[in-house]
Amino acid sequence: MNTAVATPAISNGVLWTGRVLSGLVIAFLLFDGAIKLVPLQVVHDTMATLGLPSELARTLGVLTLACTILYAWPRTAILGAILLTGYLGGAIAIHLRIGNPMLSHTLFGVYLGLMAWGGLYLRDPRLQALIPFRR
């Protein structure tokens, strides 16, 4: 008995919308991870504002870049999205803890996560087969 699930066909417009959404997430996170690797004063100031030691910036930069690369590579994109979701959840918790503004700072991780998963959903037929939305 064949238990393979048929993957739905993706229209060109939907595929490119997914690629653009994913590309925006990837570009932002590559920039965010890269600036954490360089000893910039703005990174040290931000880490202090968040109540984190500035020595942690490079570790966070490496984690951000690793998760983003996994997300960008099609074969590991779902794993990358899962890891990014956890990373962004930690960022949301930190912003909640220090009382940053809700819509601009605290929920930014939610916005980024929705874009990441939305882009992945639109460009990956395996994910569409796993989570089919009814029309």
Protein backbone atom coordinates (compact mmCIF):
# COMPACT_ATOMS: atom_id res chain seq x y z
CA MET A 1 0.00 0.00 0.00
CA ASN A 2 1.37 3.39 -1.01
CA THR A 3 1.15 5.92 1.84
CA ALA A 4 2.80 8.83 0.01
CA VAL A 5 0.96 12.12 0.29
CA ALA A 6 0.47 14.04 -2.94
CA THR A 7 1.96 17.50 -2.74
CA PRO A 8 -0.20 20.30 -4.09
CA ALA A 9 0.96 22.33 -7.05
CA ILE A 10 2.01 25.88 -6.22
CA SER A 11 1.21 28.73 -8.57
CA ASN A 12 4.04 30.97 -9.67
CA GLY A 13 2.62 34.02 -7.86
CA VAL A 14 2.22 32.15 -4.57
CA LEU A 15 5.73 30.72 -4.86
CA TRP A 16 7.29 34.15 -5.45
CA THR A 17 5.28 35.71 -2.64
CA GLY A 18 6.69 33.04 -0.33
CA ARG A 19 10.20 33.64 -1.61
CA VAL A 20 9.93 37.40 -1.08
CA LEU A 21 8.57 36.98 2.47
CA SER A 22 11.30 34.48 3.29
CA GLY A 23 13.91 36.69 1.64
CA LEU A 24 12.93 39.66 3.79
CA VAL A 25 13.18 37.55 6.95
CA ILE A 26 16.53 36.12 5.85
CA ALA A 27 17.96 39.54 4.97
CA PHE A 28 16.90 41.05 8.29
CA LEU A 29 18.23 38.15 10.36
CA LEU A 30 21.54 37.99 8.46
CA PHE A 31 22.03 41.70 9.17
CA ASP A 32 20.99 41.27 12.81
CA GLY A 33 23.32 38.32 13.32
CA ALA A 34 26.24 39.98 11.52
CA ILE A 35 26.16 43.19 13.56
CA LYS A 36 26.23 41.14 16.75
CA LEU A 37 29.55 39.63 15.65
CA VAL A 38 31.19 43.05 15.26
CA PRO A 39 31.98 44.97 18.47
CA LEU A 40 29.72 47.95 17.70
CA GLN A 41 28.77 50.35 20.46
CA VAL A 42 25.08 50.20 19.51
CA VAL A 43 25.11 46.43 20.11
CA HIS A 44 26.71 46.86 23.54
CA ASP A 45 24.22 49.60 24.45
CA THR A 46 21.26 47.50 23.33
CA MET A 47 22.48 44.46 25.25
CA ALA A 48 22.80 46.63 28.39
CA THR A 49 19.28 48.01 27.87
CA LEU A 50 17.95 44.46 27.61
CA GLY A 51 19.76 43.50 30.81
CA LEU A 52 22.10 41.07 29.07
CA PRO A 53 25.91 40.99 29.26
CA SER A 54 27.50 42.39 26.11
CA GLU A 55 29.74 39.30 25.91
CA LEU A 56 26.61 37.35 24.96
CA ALA A 57 26.18 39.35 21.72
CA ARG A 58 28.57 37.21 19.67
CA THR A 59 26.93 34.00 20.84
CA LEU A 60 23.52 35.36 19.89
CA GLY A 61 24.93 36.47 16.54
CA VAL A 62 26.26 32.99 15.79
CA LEU A 63 22.93 31.42 16.83
CA THR A 64 20.99 33.86 14.68
CA LEU A 65 23.17 33.20 11.65
CA ALA A 66 23.09 29.42 12.11
CA CYS A 67 19.28 29.30 12.41
CA THR A 68 18.89 31.69 9.47
CA ILE A 69 21.15 29.60 7.24
CA LEU A 70 19.16 26.50 8.13
CA TYR A 71 15.96 28.40 7.29
CA ALA A 72 17.35 29.66 3.97
CA TRP A 73 18.43 26.20 2.79
CA PRO A 74 15.34 24.43 1.34
CA ARG A 75 16.23 20.97 2.70
CA THR A 76 16.50 22.28 6.28
CA ALA A 77 14.03 25.17 6.08
CA ILE A 78 11.46 23.63 8.43
CA LEU A 79 14.10 22.89 11.07
CA GLY A 80 15.40 26.43 10.66
CA ALA A 81 11.89 27.85 11.09
CA ILE A 82 11.38 25.82 14.27
CA LEU A 83 14.70 27.02 15.70
CA LEU A 84 13.99 30.63 14.71
CA THR A 85 10.60 30.39 16.42
CA GLY A 86 12.32 29.43 19.68
CA TYR A 87 14.91 32.18 19.27
CA LEU A 88 12.24 34.80 18.59
CA GLY A 89 10.23 33.54 21.56
CA GLY A 90 13.22 34.28 23.79
CA ALA A 91 13.46 37.78 22.34
CA ILE A 92 9.76 38.34 23.02
CA ALA A 93 10.22 37.19 26.62
CA ILE A 94 13.12 39.58 27.16
CA HIS A 95 11.13 42.52 25.80
CA LEU A 96 8.18 41.59 27.99
CA ARG A 97 10.43 41.34 31.06
CA ILE A 98 11.82 44.86 30.69
CA GLY A 99 8.48 46.40 29.72
CA ASN A 100 9.26 47.55 26.18
CA PRO A 101 6.38 48.88 24.06
CA MET A 102 4.09 46.04 23.00
CA LEU A 103 3.37 46.78 19.31
CA SER A 104 6.79 47.99 18.22
CA HIS A 105 9.29 46.00 20.30
CA THR A 106 7.69 43.06 22.06
CA LEU A 107 5.54 41.80 19.19
CA PHE A 108 8.24 42.33 16.55
CA GLY A 109 9.34 38.72 17.07
CA VAL A 110 5.76 37.60 16.43
CA TYR A 111 5.64 39.61 13.21
CA LEU A 112 8.96 38.16 12.07
CA GLY A 113 7.89 34.62 12.99
CA LEU A 114 4.62 34.98 11.06
CA MET A 115 6.54 36.21 8.02
CA ALA A 116 9.00 33.31 8.32
CA TRP A 117 6.32 30.63 8.61
CA GLY A 118 4.07 32.32 6.05
CA GLY A 119 6.87 32.55 3.53
CA LEU A 120 7.85 28.94 4.15
CA TYR A 121 4.24 27.77 3.86
CA LEU A 122 3.79 29.56 0.54
CA ARG A 123 7.00 28.17 -0.97
CA ASP A 124 7.02 24.62 0.39
CA PRO A 125 4.42 22.14 -0.89
CA ARG A 126 5.39 19.62 1.84
CA LEU A 127 4.27 22.08 4.51
CA GLN A 128 1.07 22.80 2.59
CA ALA A 129 0.35 19.06 2.45
CA LEU A 130 1.05 18.76 6.19
CA ILE A 131 -1.20 21.72 7.11
CA PRO A 132 -3.93 21.98 4.48
CA PHE A 133 -6.18 25.02 4.78
CA ARG A 134 -9.69 24.47 3.50
CA ARG A 135 -10.96 26.73 0.79
